[in-house]
Amino acid sequence: MDEGPRPVTLLICDDHRVLTDALAIVVGLDAGLELVAPPVRDAQSAIDLCADVSGRALDWSYVDETRIGDHIWWISDVAKFESHYPAWTRRYGIRDILEDIHAACAP
């Protein structure tokens, strides 16, 4: 039985509250999009989400420095990519990815 396409799942992550709140409103208006959690605005919130996915406390450290070679990558419209690869579909949201990483690394 075909239940139709799954919504695209998103996690909004940025330290600008006005931006994250606006994006959350826009996402909420589109039936094809779904937030996996409220917007994450800081490193601790992201760590907490990962801990929730893994079911345990994480051993972590945070260094507030940009690593050489790091880049910001933002894709806002994948229509051209979809037109070139019509069989491609989004299959994973951020929570799915975190759960897969946890399952692969869990003792």
C-alpha atoms as a PDB file:
ATOM      1  CA  MET A   1       0.000   0.000   0.000  1.00  0.00           C
ATOM      2  CA  ASP A   2       1.486   3.323  -1.098  1.00  0.00           C
ATOM      3  CA  GLU A   3       1.153   5.965   1.602  1.00  0.00           C
ATOM      4  CA  GLY A   4       2.517   8.662  -0.680  1.00  0.00           C
ATOM      5  CA  PRO A   5       5.769  10.567  -0.308  1.00  0.00           C
ATOM      6  CA  ARG A   6       7.170  11.153   3.159  1.00  0.00           C
ATOM      7  CA  PRO A   7       7.608  14.775   4.104  1.00  0.00           C
ATOM      8  CA  VAL A   8      11.109  16.202   3.981  1.00  0.00           C
ATOM      9  CA  THR A   9      12.330  16.313   7.564  1.00  0.00           C
ATOM     10  CA  LEU A  10      14.410  19.284   8.653  1.00  0.00           C
ATOM     11  CA  LEU A  11      16.373  20.532  11.603  1.00  0.00           C
ATOM     12  CA  ILE A  12      16.868  24.290  11.604  1.00  0.00           C
ATOM     13  CA  CYS A  13      20.172  25.232  13.215  1.00  0.00           C
ATOM     14  CA  ASP A  14      21.335  28.832  13.503  1.00  0.00           C
ATOM     15  CA  ASP A  15      22.081  31.271  16.312  1.00  0.00           C
ATOM     16  CA  HIS A  16      19.836  34.025  14.910  1.00  0.00           C
ATOM     17  CA  ARG A  17      16.473  33.627  16.639  1.00  0.00           C
ATOM     18  CA  VAL A  18      14.528  35.810  14.184  1.00  0.00           C
ATOM     19  CA  LEU A  19      15.783  33.698  11.274  1.00  0.00           C
ATOM     20  CA  THR A  20      15.087  30.348  12.944  1.00  0.00           C
ATOM     21  CA  ASP A  21      11.613  31.409  14.065  1.00  0.00           C
ATOM     22  CA  ALA A  22      10.749  32.693  10.587  1.00  0.00           C
ATOM     23  CA  LEU A  23      12.015  29.503   8.950  1.00  0.00           C
ATOM     24  CA  ALA A  24      10.025  27.382  11.407  1.00  0.00           C
ATOM     25  CA  ILE A  25       6.853  29.299  10.472  1.00  0.00           C
ATOM     26  CA  VAL A  26       7.507  28.807   6.749  1.00  0.00           C
ATOM     27  CA  VAL A  27       8.209  25.090   7.236  1.00  0.00           C
ATOM     28  CA  GLY A  28       4.978  24.774   9.234  1.00  0.00           C
ATOM     29  CA  LEU A  29       2.986  26.138   6.292  1.00  0.00           C
ATOM     30  CA  ASP A  30       4.242  23.465   3.866  1.00  0.00           C
ATOM     31  CA  ALA A  31       2.690  19.985   4.196  1.00  0.00           C
ATOM     32  CA  GLY A  32       5.733  18.535   2.416  1.00  0.00           C
ATOM     33  CA  LEU A  33       8.112  19.704   5.165  1.00  0.00           C
ATOM     34  CA  GLU A  34       8.403  18.620   8.775  1.00  0.00           C
ATOM     35  CA  LEU A  35      10.613  19.816  11.621  1.00  0.00           C
ATOM     36  CA  VAL A  36      12.178  16.992  13.653  1.00  0.00           C
ATOM     37  CA  ALA A  37      12.624  19.332  16.611  1.00  0.00           C
ATOM     38  CA  PRO A  38      12.260  23.013  17.426  1.00  0.00           C
ATOM     39  CA  PRO A  39      15.058  25.146  15.942  1.00  0.00           C
ATOM     40  CA  VAL A  40      18.464  24.499  17.484  1.00  0.00           C
ATOM     41  CA  ARG A  41      20.194  27.762  18.342  1.00  0.00           C
ATOM     42  CA  ASP A  42      23.393  26.701  20.082  1.00  0.00           C
ATOM     43  CA  ALA A  43      25.901  23.890  20.451  1.00  0.00           C
ATOM     44  CA  GLN A  44      24.377  22.637  23.705  1.00  0.00           C
ATOM     45  CA  SER A  45      20.972  22.198  22.061  1.00  0.00           C
ATOM     46  CA  ALA A  46      22.538  20.202  19.233  1.00  0.00           C
ATOM     47  CA  ILE A  47      24.409  18.012  21.757  1.00  0.00           C
ATOM     48  CA  ASP A  48      21.181  17.491  23.713  1.00  0.00           C
ATOM     49  CA  LEU A  49      19.400  16.329  20.552  1.00  0.00           C
ATOM     50  CA  CYS A  50      22.197  13.845  19.811  1.00  0.00           C
ATOM     51  CA  ALA A  51      22.027  12.588  23.399  1.00  0.00           C
ATOM     52  CA  ASP A  52      18.274  12.128  23.024  1.00  0.00           C
ATOM     53  CA  VAL A  53      18.769  10.128  19.811  1.00  0.00           C
ATOM     54  CA  SER A  54      21.479   7.944  21.390  1.00  0.00           C
ATOM     55  CA  GLY A  55      19.754   7.544  24.745  1.00  0.00           C
ATOM     56  CA  ARG A  56      22.903   8.397  26.696  1.00  0.00           C
ATOM     57  CA  ALA A  57      25.047  11.325  27.777  1.00  0.00           C
ATOM     58  CA  LEU A  58      27.729  12.269  25.275  1.00  0.00           C
ATOM     59  CA  ASP A  59      31.403  12.881  26.017  1.00  0.00           C
ATOM     60  CA  TRP A  60      32.097  16.052  24.025  1.00  0.00           C
ATOM     61  CA  SER A  61      34.051  19.272  23.889  1.00  0.00           C
ATOM     62  CA  TYR A  62      33.409  22.489  21.984  1.00  0.00           C
ATOM     63  CA  VAL A  63      36.078  24.669  20.399  1.00  0.00           C
ATOM     64  CA  ASP A  64      34.811  28.037  19.161  1.00  0.00           C
ATOM     65  CA  GLU A  65      37.199  28.267  16.199  1.00  0.00           C
ATOM     66  CA  THR A  66      36.614  27.868  12.501  1.00  0.00           C
ATOM     67  CA  ARG A  67      38.722  25.046  11.143  1.00  0.00           C
ATOM     68  CA  ILE A  68      40.780  25.766   8.036  1.00  0.00           C
ATOM     69  CA  GLY A  69      38.880  24.474   5.038  1.00  0.00           C
ATOM     70  CA  ASP A  70      35.438  24.554   6.689  1.00  0.00           C
ATOM     71  CA  HIS A  71      32.723  25.904   4.466  1.00  0.00           C
ATOM     72  CA  ILE A  72      29.135  26.940   4.974  1.00  0.00           C
ATOM     73  CA  TRP A  73      26.882  25.039   2.585  1.00  0.00           C
ATOM     74  CA  TRP A  74      23.276  26.066   2.108  1.00  0.00           C
ATOM     75  CA  ILE A  75      21.012  24.488  -0.481  1.00  0.00           C
ATOM     76  CA  SER A  76      17.745  26.347  -0.719  1.00  0.00           C
ATOM     77  CA  ASP A  77      16.351  24.946  -3.945  1.00  0.00           C
ATOM     78  CA  VAL A  78      17.048  21.456  -5.300  1.00  0.00           C
ATOM     79  CA  ALA A  79      14.656  21.761  -8.265  1.00  0.00           C
ATOM     80  CA  LYS A  80      17.464  21.851 -10.853  1.00  0.00           C
ATOM     81  CA  PHE A  81      19.117  18.795  -9.287  1.00  0.00           C
ATOM     82  CA  GLU A  82      15.763  16.979  -9.245  1.00  0.00           C
ATOM     83  CA  SER A  83      15.189  17.834 -12.918  1.00  0.00           C
ATOM     84  CA  HIS A  84      18.569  16.281 -13.797  1.00  0.00           C
ATOM     85  CA  TYR A  85      18.004  13.218 -11.566  1.00  0.00           C
ATOM     86  CA  PRO A  86      14.235  12.517 -11.570  1.00  0.00           C
ATOM     87  CA  ALA A  87      14.617   9.178  -9.754  1.00  0.00           C
ATOM     88  CA  TRP A  88      16.348  10.863  -6.787  1.00  0.00           C
ATOM     89  CA  THR A  89      14.300  11.430  -3.636  1.00  0.00           C
ATOM     90  CA  ARG A  90      15.130  12.640  -0.161  1.00  0.00           C
ATOM     91  CA  ARG A  91      15.221   9.636   2.132  1.00  0.00           C
ATOM     92  CA  TYR A  92      16.759  10.823   5.377  1.00  0.00           C
ATOM     93  CA  GLY A  93      16.148  13.633   7.806  1.00  0.00           C
ATOM     94  CA  ILE A  94      18.633  14.791  10.433  1.00  0.00           C
ATOM     95  CA  ARG A  95      17.173  12.512  13.113  1.00  0.00           C
ATOM     96  CA  ASP A  96      17.436   9.492  10.758  1.00  0.00           C
ATOM     97  CA  ILE A  97      21.074  10.376  10.074  1.00  0.00           C
ATOM     98  CA  LEU A  98      21.879  10.778  13.774  1.00  0.00           C
ATOM     99  CA  GLU A  99      20.163   7.452  14.561  1.00  0.00           C
ATOM    100  CA  ASP A 100      22.179   5.720  11.803  1.00  0.00           C
ATOM    101  CA  ILE A 101      25.430   7.210  13.114  1.00  0.00           C
ATOM    102  CA  HIS A 102      24.568   6.120  16.646  1.00  0.00           C
ATOM    103  CA  ALA A 103      23.651   2.593  15.534  1.00  0.00           C
ATOM    104  CA  ALA A 104      26.911   2.276  13.597  1.00  0.00           C
ATOM    105  CA  CYS A 105      29.035   3.507  16.503  1.00  0.00           C
ATOM    106  CA  ALA A 106      27.148   2.083  19.486  1.00  0.00           C
ATOM    107  CA  PRO A 107      29.095  -0.448  21.571  1.00  0.00           C
END
